[in-house]
């Protein structure tokens, strides 16, 4: 998701409302920045850096909230995890999972029951 070139406050609010309603489990947020040699770099109505930063932070916060809400649906429910190392892996729907005992083997798919959520991951 991008903070768009020339986007008005009303357009941003519509985008925010839509993204809140859709509730993607994770969003990649980035600010538009002019690139030398592109047509967009010479466009009028460039959004100032402060506004782009504020809008990006608002959307990143929404993404974090959505990610947490989505992941918490799997607490106390069996779910398969592909471990990438002895403690960290991902579910089939890309939720990060941490084994706090560090007792896994990279490449193994293990059914686990998450006990909670911290920062950006489920743990057991």
PDB file of N, CA and C in Angstrom:
ATOM      1  N   UNK A   1       0.862  -1.144   0.000  1.00  0.00           N
ATOM      2  CA  UNK A   1       0.000   0.000   0.000  1.00  0.00           C
ATOM      3  C   UNK A   1       0.909   1.207   0.000  1.00  0.00           C
ATOM      4  N   UNK A   2       0.516   2.206  -0.685  1.00  0.00           N
ATOM      5  CA  UNK A   2       1.345   3.397  -0.836  1.00  0.00           C
ATOM      6  C   UNK A   2       0.580   4.630  -0.399  1.00  0.00           C
ATOM      7  N   UNK A   3       1.321   5.602   0.106  1.00  0.00           N
ATOM      8  CA  UNK A   3       0.771   6.932   0.283  1.00  0.00           C
ATOM      9  C   UNK A   3       0.930   7.586  -1.074  1.00  0.00           C
ATOM     10  N   UNK A   4      -0.172   7.808  -1.771  1.00  0.00           N
ATOM     11  CA  UNK A   4      -0.147   8.153  -3.191  1.00  0.00           C
ATOM     12  C   UNK A   4       0.221   9.605  -3.464  1.00  0.00           C
ATOM     13  N   UNK A   5       0.866   9.792  -4.584  1.00  0.00           N
ATOM     14  CA  UNK A   5       1.216  11.109  -5.102  1.00  0.00           C
ATOM     15  C   UNK A   5      -0.056  11.928  -5.273  1.00  0.00           C
ATOM     16  N   UNK A   6      -0.115  13.104  -4.665  1.00  0.00           N
ATOM     17  CA  UNK A   6      -1.263  13.986  -4.833  1.00  0.00           C
ATOM     18  C   UNK A   6      -2.513  13.565  -4.082  1.00  0.00           C
ATOM     19  N   UNK A   7      -2.426  12.561  -3.253  1.00  0.00           N
ATOM     20  CA  UNK A   7      -3.585  12.054  -2.516  1.00  0.00           C
ATOM     21  C   UNK A   7      -4.097  13.120  -1.541  1.00  0.00           C
ATOM     22  N   UNK A   8      -5.383  13.407  -1.610  1.00  0.00           N
ATOM     23  CA  UNK A   8      -5.988  14.378  -0.694  1.00  0.00           C
ATOM     24  C   UNK A   8      -6.283  13.715   0.646  1.00  0.00           C
ATOM     25  N   UNK A   9      -6.592  14.529   1.653  1.00  0.00           N
ATOM     26  CA  UNK A   9      -6.971  14.005   2.975  1.00  0.00           C
ATOM     27  C   UNK A   9      -8.213  13.132   2.848  1.00  0.00           C
ATOM     28  N   UNK A  10      -9.192  13.570   2.073  1.00  0.00           N
ATOM     29  CA  UNK A  10     -10.419  12.784   1.885  1.00  0.00           C
ATOM     30  C   UNK A  10     -10.114  11.439   1.218  1.00  0.00           C
ATOM     31  N   UNK A  11      -9.248  11.447   0.211  1.00  0.00           N
ATOM     32  CA  UNK A  11      -8.882  10.191  -0.459  1.00  0.00           C
ATOM     33  C   UNK A  11      -8.146   9.258   0.501  1.00  0.00           C
ATOM     34  N   UNK A  12      -7.266   9.824   1.321  1.00  0.00           N
ATOM     35  CA  UNK A  12      -6.572   9.004   2.312  1.00  0.00           C
ATOM     36  C   UNK A  12      -7.571   8.398   3.294  1.00  0.00           C
ATOM     37  N   UNK A  13      -8.525   9.195   3.742  1.00  0.00           N
ATOM     38  CA  UNK A  13      -9.538   8.694   4.685  1.00  0.00           C
ATOM     39  C   UNK A  13     -10.351   7.548   4.074  1.00  0.00           C
ATOM     40  N   UNK A  14     -10.666   7.655   2.791  1.00  0.00           N
ATOM     41  CA  UNK A  14     -11.393   6.588   2.095  1.00  0.00           C
ATOM     42  C   UNK A  14     -10.527   5.329   2.039  1.00  0.00           C
ATOM     43  N   UNK A  15      -9.261   5.509   1.719  1.00  0.00           N
ATOM     44  CA  UNK A  15      -8.330   4.365   1.683  1.00  0.00           C
ATOM     45  C   UNK A  15      -8.244   3.708   3.052  1.00  0.00           C
ATOM     46  N   UNK A  16      -8.085   4.513   4.093  1.00  0.00           N
ATOM     47  CA  UNK A  16      -7.988   3.989   5.453  1.00  0.00           C
ATOM     48  C   UNK A  16      -9.245   3.201   5.831  1.00  0.00           C
ATOM     49  N   UNK A  17     -10.399   3.781   5.573  1.00  0.00           N
ATOM     50  CA  UNK A  17     -11.667   3.122   5.901  1.00  0.00           C
ATOM     51  C   UNK A  17     -11.787   1.783   5.163  1.00  0.00           C
ATOM     52  N   UNK A  18     -11.421   1.775   3.889  1.00  0.00           N
ATOM     53  CA  UNK A  18     -11.465   0.548   3.104  1.00  0.00           C
ATOM     54  C   UNK A  18     -10.521  -0.507   3.688  1.00  0.00           C
ATOM     55  N   UNK A  19      -9.284  -0.109   3.995  1.00  0.00           N
ATOM     56  CA  UNK A  19      -8.313  -1.061   4.542  1.00  0.00           C
ATOM     57  C   UNK A  19      -8.732  -1.580   5.916  1.00  0.00           C
ATOM     58  N   UNK A  20      -9.342  -0.745   6.700  1.00  0.00           N
ATOM     59  CA  UNK A  20      -9.835  -1.180   8.019  1.00  0.00           C
ATOM     60  C   UNK A  20     -10.954  -2.203   7.849  1.00  0.00           C
ATOM     61  N   UNK A  21     -11.833  -1.949   6.889  1.00  0.00           N
ATOM     62  CA  UNK A  21     -12.953  -2.857   6.626  1.00  0.00           C
ATOM     63  C   UNK A  21     -12.467  -4.202   6.073  1.00  0.00           C
ATOM     64  N   UNK A  22     -11.555  -4.171   5.136  1.00  0.00           N
ATOM     65  CA  UNK A  22     -11.019  -5.395   4.529  1.00  0.00           C
ATOM     66  C   UNK A  22     -10.219  -6.205   5.539  1.00  0.00           C
ATOM     67  N   UNK A  23      -9.458  -5.514   6.386  1.00  0.00           N
ATOM     68  CA  UNK A  23      -8.662  -6.132   7.451  1.00  0.00           C
ATOM     69  C   UNK A  23      -7.690  -7.198   6.927  1.00  0.00           C
ATOM     70  N   UNK A  24      -6.840  -6.800   5.982  1.00  0.00           N
ATOM     71  CA  UNK A  24      -5.780  -7.714   5.539  1.00  0.00           C
ATOM     72  C   UNK A  24      -4.982  -8.156   6.748  1.00  0.00           C
ATOM     73  N   UNK A  25      -4.485  -9.390   6.732  1.00  0.00           N
ATOM     74  CA  UNK A  25      -3.710  -9.872   7.871  1.00  0.00           C
ATOM     75  C   UNK A  25      -2.358  -9.183   7.977  1.00  0.00           C
ATOM     76  N   UNK A  26      -1.864  -8.644   6.885  1.00  0.00           N
ATOM     77  CA  UNK A  26      -0.606  -7.906   6.884  1.00  0.00           C
ATOM     78  C   UNK A  26      -0.568  -7.037   5.643  1.00  0.00           C
ATOM     79  N   UNK A  27      -0.017  -5.830   5.798  1.00  0.00           N
ATOM     80  CA  UNK A  27       0.125  -4.930   4.661  1.00  0.00           C
ATOM     81  C   UNK A  27       1.567  -4.429   4.614  1.00  0.00           C
ATOM     82  N   UNK A  28       2.042  -4.209   3.426  1.00  0.00           N
ATOM     83  CA  UNK A  28       3.356  -3.584   3.248  1.00  0.00           C
ATOM     84  C   UNK A  28       3.094  -2.123   2.902  1.00  0.00           C
ATOM     85  N   UNK A  29       3.547  -1.233   3.757  1.00  0.00           N
ATOM     86  CA  UNK A  29       3.284   0.191   3.591  1.00  0.00           C
ATOM     87  C   UNK A  29       4.564   0.889   3.163  1.00  0.00           C
ATOM     88  N   UNK A  30       4.466   1.722   2.154  1.00  0.00           N
ATOM     89  CA  UNK A  30       5.627   2.526   1.763  1.00  0.00           C
ATOM     90  C   UNK A  30       5.159   3.871   1.245  1.00  0.00           C
ATOM     91  N   UNK A  31       6.013   4.860   1.407  1.00  0.00           N
ATOM     92  CA  UNK A  31       5.703   6.213   0.969  1.00  0.00           C
ATOM     93  C   UNK A  31       6.176   6.393  -0.463  1.00  0.00           C
ATOM     94  N   UNK A  32       5.395   7.109  -1.248  1.00  0.00           N
ATOM     95  CA  UNK A  32       5.826   7.485  -2.583  1.00  0.00           C
ATOM     96  C   UNK A  32       7.028   8.416  -2.438  1.00  0.00           C
ATOM     97  N   UNK A  33       8.036   8.172  -3.234  1.00  0.00           N
ATOM     98  CA  UNK A  33       9.162   9.107  -3.296  1.00  0.00           C
ATOM     99  C   UNK A  33       9.539   9.291  -4.757  1.00  0.00           C
ATOM    100  N   UNK A  34       9.777  10.532  -5.145  1.00  0.00           N
ATOM    101  CA  UNK A  34      10.098  10.811  -6.548  1.00  0.00           C
ATOM    102  C   UNK A  34      11.394  10.106  -6.970  1.00  0.00           C
ATOM    103  N   UNK A  35      11.399   9.603  -8.178  1.00  0.00           N
ATOM    104  CA  UNK A  35      12.587   8.965  -8.750  1.00  0.00           C
ATOM    105  C   UNK A  35      13.022   9.798  -9.952  1.00  0.00           C
ATOM    106  N   UNK A  36      14.255  10.225  -9.919  1.00  0.00           N
ATOM    107  CA  UNK A  36      14.806  11.032 -11.013  1.00  0.00           C
ATOM    108  C   UNK A  36      14.614  10.303 -12.347  1.00  0.00           C
ATOM    109  N   UNK A  37      14.151  11.063 -13.320  1.00  0.00           N
ATOM    110  CA  UNK A  37      13.963  10.495 -14.645  1.00  0.00           C
ATOM    111  C   UNK A  37      12.583   9.914 -14.891  1.00  0.00           C
ATOM    112  N   UNK A  38      11.736   9.884 -13.866  1.00  0.00           N
ATOM    113  CA  UNK A  38      10.375   9.371 -14.060  1.00  0.00           C
ATOM    114  C   UNK A  38       9.414  10.547 -14.243  1.00  0.00           C
ATOM    115  N   UNK A  39       8.299  10.295 -14.906  1.00  0.00           N
ATOM    116  CA  UNK A  39       7.294  11.345 -15.101  1.00  0.00           C
ATOM    117  C   UNK A  39       6.764  11.844 -13.755  1.00  0.00           C
ATOM    118  N   UNK A  40       6.562  10.922 -12.837  1.00  0.00           N
ATOM    119  CA  UNK A  40       5.979  11.294 -11.543  1.00  0.00           C
ATOM    120  C   UNK A  40       6.849  12.287 -10.783  1.00  0.00           C
ATOM    121  N   UNK A  41       8.138  12.256 -10.988  1.00  0.00           N
ATOM    122  CA  UNK A  41       9.036  13.173 -10.275  1.00  0.00           C
ATOM    123  C   UNK A  41       8.745  14.626 -10.607  1.00  0.00           C
ATOM    124  N   UNK A  42       8.175  14.900 -11.776  1.00  0.00           N
ATOM    125  CA  UNK A  42       7.893  16.283 -12.172  1.00  0.00           C
ATOM    126  C   UNK A  42       6.427  16.670 -11.962  1.00  0.00           C
ATOM    127  N   UNK A  43       5.624  15.773 -11.445  1.00  0.00           N
ATOM    128  CA  UNK A  43       4.211  16.081 -11.226  1.00  0.00           C
ATOM    129  C   UNK A  43       4.045  17.172 -10.173  1.00  0.00           C
ATOM    130  N   UNK A  44       3.014  17.962 -10.350  1.00  0.00           N
ATOM    131  CA  UNK A  44       2.636  18.967  -9.358  1.00  0.00           C
ATOM    132  C   UNK A  44       1.893  18.245  -8.227  1.00  0.00           C
ATOM    133  N   UNK A  45       1.581  18.970  -7.185  1.00  0.00           N
ATOM    134  CA  UNK A  45       0.798  18.444  -6.051  1.00  0.00           C
ATOM    135  C   UNK A  45       1.498  17.325  -5.292  1.00  0.00           C
ATOM    136  N   UNK A  46       2.811  17.399  -5.184  1.00  0.00           N
ATOM    137  CA  UNK A  46       3.537  16.420  -4.375  1.00  0.00           C
ATOM    138  C   UNK A  46       3.128  16.602  -2.912  1.00  0.00           C
ATOM    139  N   UNK A  47       2.949  15.508  -2.220  1.00  0.00           N
ATOM    140  CA  UNK A  47       2.610  15.568  -0.794  1.00  0.00           C
ATOM    141  C   UNK A  47       3.895  15.825  -0.019  1.00  0.00           C
ATOM    142  N   UNK A  48       3.817  16.704   0.974  1.00  0.00           N
ATOM    143  CA  UNK A  48       5.012  17.023   1.748  1.00  0.00           C
ATOM    144  C   UNK A  48       5.432  15.824   2.604  1.00  0.00           C
ATOM    145  N   UNK A  49       6.701  15.798   2.955  1.00  0.00           N
ATOM    146  CA  UNK A  49       7.275  14.676   3.693  1.00  0.00           C
ATOM    147  C   UNK A  49       6.606  14.399   5.021  1.00  0.00           C
ATOM    148  N   UNK A  50       6.232  15.453   5.747  1.00  0.00           N
ATOM    149  CA  UNK A  50       5.592  15.271   7.053  1.00  0.00           C
ATOM    150  C   UNK A  50       4.251  14.547   6.897  1.00  0.00           C
ATOM    151  N   UNK A  51       3.457  14.962   5.920  1.00  0.00           N
ATOM    152  CA  UNK A  51       2.155  14.320   5.685  1.00  0.00           C
ATOM    153  C   UNK A  51       2.348  12.868   5.266  1.00  0.00           C
ATOM    154  N   UNK A  52       3.303  12.604   4.384  1.00  0.00           N
ATOM    155  CA  UNK A  52       3.566  11.215   3.965  1.00  0.00           C
ATOM    156  C   UNK A  52       3.960  10.363   5.167  1.00  0.00           C
ATOM    157  N   UNK A  53       4.812  10.911   6.028  1.00  0.00           N
ATOM    158  CA  UNK A  53       5.244  10.174   7.214  1.00  0.00           C
ATOM    159  C   UNK A  53       4.065   9.881   8.133  1.00  0.00           C
ATOM    160  N   UNK A  54       3.230  10.896   8.383  1.00  0.00           N
ATOM    161  CA  UNK A  54       2.066  10.708   9.264  1.00  0.00           C
ATOM    162  C   UNK A  54       1.115   9.648   8.708  1.00  0.00           C
ATOM    163  N   UNK A  55       0.833   9.722   7.410  1.00  0.00           N
ATOM    164  CA  UNK A  55      -0.085   8.754   6.800  1.00  0.00           C
ATOM    165  C   UNK A  55       0.509   7.353   6.814  1.00  0.00           C
ATOM    166  N   UNK A  56       1.790   7.254   6.565  1.00  0.00           N
ATOM    167  CA  UNK A  56       2.454   5.942   6.614  1.00  0.00           C
ATOM    168  C   UNK A  56       2.342   5.342   8.005  1.00  0.00           C
ATOM    169  N   UNK A  57       2.598   6.161   9.022  1.00  0.00           N
ATOM    170  CA  UNK A  57       2.526   5.668  10.406  1.00  0.00           C
ATOM    171  C   UNK A  57       1.118   5.206  10.757  1.00  0.00           C
ATOM    172  N   UNK A  58       0.113   5.922  10.289  1.00  0.00           N
ATOM    173  CA  UNK A  58      -1.284   5.540  10.532  1.00  0.00           C
ATOM    174  C   UNK A  58      -1.571   4.178   9.904  1.00  0.00           C
ATOM    175  N   UNK A  59      -1.122   3.976   8.669  1.00  0.00           N
ATOM    176  CA  UNK A  59      -1.372   2.701   7.986  1.00  0.00           C
ATOM    177  C   UNK A  59      -0.542   1.567   8.570  1.00  0.00           C
ATOM    178  N   UNK A  60       0.671   1.853   9.009  1.00  0.00           N
ATOM    179  CA  UNK A  60       1.495   0.819   9.653  1.00  0.00           C
ATOM    180  C   UNK A  60       0.834   0.375  10.954  1.00  0.00           C
ATOM    181  N   UNK A  61       0.303   1.326  11.714  1.00  0.00           N
ATOM    182  CA  UNK A  61      -0.403   0.978  12.956  1.00  0.00           C
ATOM    183  C   UNK A  61      -1.615   0.099  12.658  1.00  0.00           C
ATOM    184  N   UNK A  62      -2.370   0.449  11.628  1.00  0.00           N
ATOM    185  CA  UNK A  62      -3.522  -0.368  11.239  1.00  0.00           C
ATOM    186  C   UNK A  62      -3.057  -1.770  10.843  1.00  0.00           C
ATOM    187  N   UNK A  63      -1.992  -1.859  10.079  1.00  0.00           N
ATOM    188  CA  UNK A  63      -1.463  -3.166   9.679  1.00  0.00           C
ATOM    189  C   UNK A  63      -1.075  -3.991  10.904  1.00  0.00           C
ATOM    190  N   UNK A  64      -0.406  -3.371  11.863  1.00  0.00           N
ATOM    191  CA  UNK A  64      -0.004  -4.081  13.081  1.00  0.00           C
ATOM    192  C   UNK A  64      -1.214  -4.576  13.867  1.00  0.00           C
ATOM    193  N   UNK A  65      -2.245  -3.748  13.953  1.00  0.00           N
ATOM    194  CA  UNK A  65      -3.468  -4.154  14.654  1.00  0.00           C
ATOM    195  C   UNK A  65      -4.140  -5.326  13.939  1.00  0.00           C
ATOM    196  N   UNK A  66      -4.221  -5.238  12.612  1.00  0.00           N
ATOM    197  CA  UNK A  66      -4.837  -6.322  11.839  1.00  0.00           C
ATOM    198  C   UNK A  66      -4.047  -7.616  11.978  1.00  0.00           C
ATOM    199  N   UNK A  67      -2.721  -7.513  11.924  1.00  0.00           N
ATOM    200  CA  UNK A  67      -1.869  -8.689  12.048  1.00  0.00           C
ATOM    201  C   UNK A  67      -2.078  -9.366  13.403  1.00  0.00           C
ATOM    202  N   UNK A  68      -2.135  -8.569  14.449  1.00  0.00           N
ATOM    203  CA  UNK A  68      -2.349  -9.107  15.796  1.00  0.00           C
ATOM    204  C   UNK A  68      -3.716  -9.787  15.907  1.00  0.00           C
ATOM    205  N   UNK A  69      -4.754  -9.127  15.433  1.00  0.00           N
ATOM    206  CA  UNK A  69      -6.109  -9.689  15.480  1.00  0.00           C
ATOM    207  C   UNK A  69      -6.175 -11.013  14.729  1.00  0.00           C
ATOM    208  N   UNK A  70      -5.571 -11.047  13.553  1.00  0.00           N
ATOM    209  CA  UNK A  70      -5.564 -12.261  12.737  1.00  0.00           C
ATOM    210  C   UNK A  70      -4.825 -13.394  13.458  1.00  0.00           C
ATOM    211  N   UNK A  71      -3.639 -13.115  13.946  1.00  0.00           N
ATOM    212  CA  UNK A  71      -2.831 -14.154  14.594  1.00  0.00           C
ATOM    213  C   UNK A  71      -3.488 -14.676  15.865  1.00  0.00           C
ATOM    214  N   UNK A  72      -4.111 -13.807  16.630  1.00  0.00           N
ATOM    215  CA  UNK A  72      -4.709 -14.222  17.897  1.00  0.00           C
ATOM    216  C   UNK A  72      -5.854 -15.215  17.722  1.00  0.00           C
ATOM    217  N   UNK A  73      -6.405 -15.304  16.525  1.00  0.00           N
ATOM    218  CA  UNK A  73      -7.452 -16.288  16.254  1.00  0.00           C
ATOM    219  C   UNK A  73      -6.921 -17.715  16.372  1.00  0.00           C
ATOM    220  N   UNK A  74      -5.601 -17.872  16.338  1.00  0.00           N
ATOM    221  CA  UNK A  74      -4.997 -19.203  16.345  1.00  0.00           C
ATOM    222  C   UNK A  74      -4.458 -19.609  17.715  1.00  0.00           C
ATOM    223  N   UNK A  75      -4.623 -18.751  18.715  1.00  0.00           N
ATOM    224  CA  UNK A  75      -4.181 -19.109  20.062  1.00  0.00           C
ATOM    225  C   UNK A  75      -5.041 -20.253  20.574  1.00  0.00           C
ATOM    226  N   UNK A  76      -4.369 -21.253  21.160  1.00  0.00           N
ATOM    227  CA  UNK A  76      -5.005 -22.457  21.725  1.00  0.00           C
ATOM    228  C   UNK A  76      -5.646 -23.350  20.664  1.00  0.00           C
ATOM    229  N   UNK A  77      -5.238 -23.187  19.395  1.00  0.00           N
ATOM    230  CA  UNK A  77      -5.737 -24.043  18.323  1.00  0.00           C
ATOM    231  C   UNK A  77      -4.552 -24.704  17.632  1.00  0.00           C
ATOM    232  N   UNK A  78      -4.633 -26.003  17.351  1.00  0.00           N
ATOM    233  CA  UNK A  78      -3.518 -26.673  16.670  1.00  0.00           C
ATOM    234  C   UNK A  78      -3.274 -26.074  15.284  1.00  0.00           C
ATOM    235  N   UNK A  79      -2.002 -25.854  14.975  1.00  0.00           N
ATOM    236  CA  UNK A  79      -1.638 -25.277  13.683  1.00  0.00           C
ATOM    237  C   UNK A  79      -0.258 -25.804  13.281  1.00  0.00           C
ATOM    238  N   UNK A  80      -0.085 -26.061  11.986  1.00  0.00           N
ATOM    239  CA  UNK A  80       1.199 -26.551  11.503  1.00  0.00           C
ATOM    240  C   UNK A  80       2.153 -25.395  11.244  1.00  0.00           C
ATOM    241  N   UNK A  81       3.425 -25.634  11.631  1.00  0.00           N
ATOM    242  CA  UNK A  81       4.470 -24.623  11.474  1.00  0.00           C
ATOM    243  C   UNK A  81       5.677 -25.256  10.784  1.00  0.00           C
ATOM    244  N   UNK A  82       6.187 -24.588   9.768  1.00  0.00           N
ATOM    245  CA  UNK A  82       7.444 -24.984   9.131  1.00  0.00           C
ATOM    246  C   UNK A  82       8.538 -24.193   9.822  1.00  0.00           C
ATOM    247  N   UNK A  83       9.446 -24.907  10.522  1.00  0.00           N
ATOM    248  CA  UNK A  83      10.508 -24.237  11.259  1.00  0.00           C
ATOM    249  C   UNK A  83      11.702 -23.960  10.365  1.00  0.00           C
ATOM    250  N   UNK A  84      12.206 -22.717  10.471  1.00  0.00           N
ATOM    251  CA  UNK A  84      13.339 -22.271   9.679  1.00  0.00           C
ATOM    252  C   UNK A  84      14.647 -22.431  10.439  1.00  0.00           C
ATOM    253  N   UNK A  85      14.553 -22.544  11.750  1.00  0.00           N
ATOM    254  CA  UNK A  85      15.715 -22.781  12.606  1.00  0.00           C
ATOM    255  C   UNK A  85      15.202 -23.432  13.882  1.00  0.00           C
ATOM    256  N   UNK A  86      15.995 -23.451  14.942  1.00  0.00           N
ATOM    257  CA  UNK A  86      15.594 -24.193  16.139  1.00  0.00           C
ATOM    258  C   UNK A  86      14.500 -23.520  16.963  1.00  0.00           C
ATOM    259  N   UNK A  87      14.113 -22.296  16.601  1.00  0.00           N
ATOM    260  CA  UNK A  87      13.055 -21.645  17.384  1.00  0.00           C
ATOM    261  C   UNK A  87      11.991 -20.922  16.572  1.00  0.00           C
ATOM    262  N   UNK A  88      12.242 -20.611  15.308  1.00  0.00           N
ATOM    263  CA  UNK A  88      11.338 -19.747  14.552  1.00  0.00           C
ATOM    264  C   UNK A  88      10.831 -20.405  13.282  1.00  0.00           C
ATOM    265  N   UNK A  89       9.522 -20.215  13.039  1.00  0.00           N
ATOM    266  CA  UNK A  89       8.927 -20.739  11.822  1.00  0.00           C
ATOM    267  C   UNK A  89       7.696 -19.949  11.435  1.00  0.00           C
ATOM    268  N   UNK A  90       7.018 -20.422  10.394  1.00  0.00           N
ATOM    269  CA  UNK A  90       5.809 -19.758   9.915  1.00  0.00           C
ATOM    270  C   UNK A  90       4.724 -20.792   9.620  1.00  0.00           C
ATOM    271  N   UNK A  91       3.487 -20.371   9.827  1.00  0.00           N
ATOM    272  CA  UNK A  91       2.340 -21.210   9.488  1.00  0.00           C
ATOM    273  C   UNK A  91       2.126 -21.148   7.977  1.00  0.00           C
ATOM    274  N   UNK A  92       1.196 -21.951   7.480  1.00  0.00           N
ATOM    275  CA  UNK A  92       0.900 -21.930   6.044  1.00  0.00           C
ATOM    276  C   UNK A  92       0.312 -20.597   5.597  1.00  0.00           C
ATOM    277  N   UNK A  93      -0.216 -19.810   6.550  1.00  0.00           N
ATOM    278  CA  UNK A  93      -0.745 -18.495   6.201  1.00  0.00           C
ATOM    279  C   UNK A  93       0.165 -17.374   6.726  1.00  0.00           C
ATOM    280  N   UNK A  94       1.446 -17.688   6.850  1.00  0.00           N
ATOM    281  CA  UNK A  94       2.521 -16.712   7.100  1.00  0.00           C
ATOM    282  C   UNK A  94       2.526 -16.049   8.467  1.00  0.00           C
ATOM    283  N   UNK A  95       1.935 -16.681   9.456  1.00  0.00           N
ATOM    284  CA  UNK A  95       2.040 -16.159  10.812  1.00  0.00           C
ATOM    285  C   UNK A  95       3.363 -16.653  11.393  1.00  0.00           C
ATOM    286  N   UNK A  96       4.135 -15.726  11.934  1.00  0.00           N
ATOM    287  CA  UNK A  96       5.405 -16.080  12.568  1.00  0.00           C
ATOM    288  C   UNK A  96       5.111 -16.766  13.900  1.00  0.00           C
ATOM    289  N   UNK A  97       5.850 -17.856  14.178  1.00  0.00           N
ATOM    290  CA  UNK A  97       5.672 -18.615  15.414  1.00  0.00           C
ATOM    291  C   UNK A  97       7.042 -18.834  16.046  1.00  0.00           C
ATOM    292  N   UNK A  98       7.110 -18.653  17.358  1.00  0.00           N
ATOM    293  CA  UNK A  98       8.350 -18.844  18.107  1.00  0.00           C
ATOM    294  C   UNK A  98       8.167 -19.973  19.115  1.00  0.00           C
ATOM    295  N   UNK A  99       9.137 -20.919  19.108  1.00  0.00           N
ATOM    296  CA  UNK A  99       9.224 -21.952  20.138  1.00  0.00           C
ATOM    297  C   UNK A  99      10.223 -21.429  21.161  1.00  0.00           C
ATOM    298  N   UNK A 100       9.732 -21.002  22.312  1.00  0.00           N
ATOM    299  CA  UNK A 100      10.612 -20.391  23.314  1.00  0.00           C
ATOM    300  C   UNK A 100      11.601 -21.385  23.915  1.00  0.00           C
ATOM    301  N   UNK A 101      11.371 -22.682  23.708  1.00  0.00           N
ATOM    302  CA  UNK A 101      12.334 -23.673  24.213  1.00  0.00           C
ATOM    303  C   UNK A 101      13.497 -23.873  23.247  1.00  0.00           C
ATOM    304  N   UNK A 102      13.379 -23.324  22.057  1.00  0.00           N
ATOM    305  CA  UNK A 102      14.407 -23.466  21.007  1.00  0.00           C
ATOM    306  C   UNK A 102      14.718 -24.938  20.753  1.00  0.00           C
ATOM    307  N   UNK A 103      13.656 -25.723  20.648  1.00  0.00           N
ATOM    308  CA  UNK A 103      13.796 -27.172  20.563  1.00  0.00           C
ATOM    309  C   UNK A 103      13.332 -27.726  19.220  1.00  0.00           C
ATOM    310  N   UNK A 104      13.465 -26.956  18.143  1.00  0.00           N
ATOM    311  CA  UNK A 104      13.001 -27.410  16.839  1.00  0.00           C
ATOM    312  C   UNK A 104      14.184 -27.669  15.906  1.00  0.00           C
ATOM    313  N   UNK A 105      13.880 -28.302  14.793  1.00  0.00           N
ATOM    314  CA  UNK A 105      14.888 -28.566  13.772  1.00  0.00           C
ATOM    315  C   UNK A 105      14.444 -27.892  12.473  1.00  0.00           C
ATOM    316  N   UNK A 106      15.357 -27.147  11.872  1.00  0.00           N
ATOM    317  CA  UNK A 106      15.054 -26.446  10.625  1.00  0.00           C
ATOM    318  C   UNK A 106      14.538 -27.433   9.588  1.00  0.00           C
ATOM    319  N   UNK A 107      13.469 -27.052   8.904  1.00  0.00           N
ATOM    320  CA  UNK A 107      12.882 -27.874   7.853  1.00  0.00           C
ATOM    321  C   UNK A 107      11.752 -28.766   8.319  1.00  0.00           C
ATOM    322  N   UNK A 108      11.587 -28.925   9.623  1.00  0.00           N
ATOM    323  CA  UNK A 108      10.500 -29.762  10.140  1.00  0.00           C
ATOM    324  C   UNK A 108       9.177 -28.998  10.129  1.00  0.00           C
ATOM    325  N   UNK A 109       8.114 -29.721   9.806  1.00  0.00           N
ATOM    326  CA  UNK A 109       6.761 -29.195   9.929  1.00  0.00           C
ATOM    327  C   UNK A 109       6.172 -29.845  11.169  1.00  0.00           C
ATOM    328  N   UNK A 110       5.779 -29.007  12.127  1.00  0.00           N
ATOM    329  CA  UNK A 110       5.331 -29.487  13.427  1.00  0.00           C
ATOM    330  C   UNK A 110       3.968 -28.890  13.744  1.00  0.00           C
ATOM    331  N   UNK A 111       3.074 -29.722  14.262  1.00  0.00           N
ATOM    332  CA  UNK A 111       1.777 -29.212  14.721  1.00  0.00           C
ATOM    333  C   UNK A 111       1.978 -28.710  16.153  1.00  0.00           C
ATOM    334  N   UNK A 112       1.637 -27.446  16.384  1.00  0.00           N
ATOM    335  CA  UNK A 112       1.802 -26.837  17.699  1.00  0.00           C
ATOM    336  C   UNK A 112       0.483 -26.188  18.115  1.00  0.00           C
ATOM    337  N   UNK A 113       0.399 -25.862  19.398  1.00  0.00           N
ATOM    338  CA  UNK A 113      -0.757 -25.141  19.927  1.00  0.00           C
ATOM    339  C   UNK A 113      -0.228 -23.856  20.566  1.00  0.00           C
ATOM    340  N   UNK A 114      -0.344 -22.750  19.871  1.00  0.00           N
ATOM    341  CA  UNK A 114       0.157 -21.478  20.411  1.00  0.00           C
ATOM    342  C   UNK A 114      -0.529 -21.114  21.723  1.00  0.00           C
ATOM    343  N   UNK A 115       0.257 -20.564  22.640  1.00  0.00           N
ATOM    344  CA  UNK A 115      -0.260 -20.176  23.956  1.00  0.00           C
ATOM    345  C   UNK A 115      -0.539 -18.686  24.052  1.00  0.00           C
ATOM    346  N   UNK A 116       0.062 -17.891  23.151  1.00  0.00           N
ATOM    347  CA  UNK A 116      -0.150 -16.447  23.218  1.00  0.00           C
ATOM    348  C   UNK A 116       0.468 -15.731  22.042  1.00  0.00           C
ATOM    349  N   UNK A 117       0.398 -14.406  22.114  1.00  0.00           N
ATOM    350  CA  UNK A 117       0.905 -13.544  21.052  1.00  0.00           C
ATOM    351  C   UNK A 117       1.730 -12.433  21.682  1.00  0.00           C
ATOM    352  N   UNK A 118       2.917 -12.180  21.134  1.00  0.00           N
ATOM    353  CA  UNK A 118       3.779 -11.076  21.563  1.00  0.00           C
ATOM    354  C   UNK A 118       4.329 -10.376  20.337  1.00  0.00           C
ATOM    355  N   UNK A 119       4.483  -9.079  20.419  1.00  0.00           N
ATOM    356  CA  UNK A 119       5.094  -8.270  19.358  1.00  0.00           C
ATOM    357  C   UNK A 119       4.474  -8.573  18.005  1.00  0.00           C
ATOM    358  N   UNK A 120       5.059  -9.508  17.244  1.00  0.00           N
ATOM    359  CA  UNK A 120       4.541  -9.851  15.898  1.00  0.00           C
ATOM    360  C   UNK A 120       4.523 -11.351  15.671  1.00  0.00           C
ATOM    361  N   UNK A 121       4.393 -12.138  16.746  1.00  0.00           N
ATOM    362  CA  UNK A 121       4.423 -13.590  16.576  1.00  0.00           C
ATOM    363  C   UNK A 121       3.589 -14.325  17.625  1.00  0.00           C
ATOM    364  N   UNK A 122       3.174 -15.529  17.244  1.00  0.00           N
ATOM    365  CA  UNK A 122       2.574 -16.472  18.190  1.00  0.00           C
ATOM    366  C   UNK A 122       3.710 -17.217  18.879  1.00  0.00           C
ATOM    367  N   UNK A 123       3.466 -17.704  20.085  1.00  0.00           N
ATOM    368  CA  UNK A 123       4.493 -18.501  20.769  1.00  0.00           C
ATOM    369  C   UNK A 123       3.852 -19.671  21.480  1.00  0.00           C
ATOM    370  N   UNK A 124       4.694 -20.658  21.767  1.00  0.00           N
ATOM    371  CA  UNK A 124       4.249 -21.807  22.563  1.00  0.00           C
ATOM    372  C   UNK A 124       5.364 -22.286  23.426  1.00  0.00           C
TER     373      UNK A 124
END
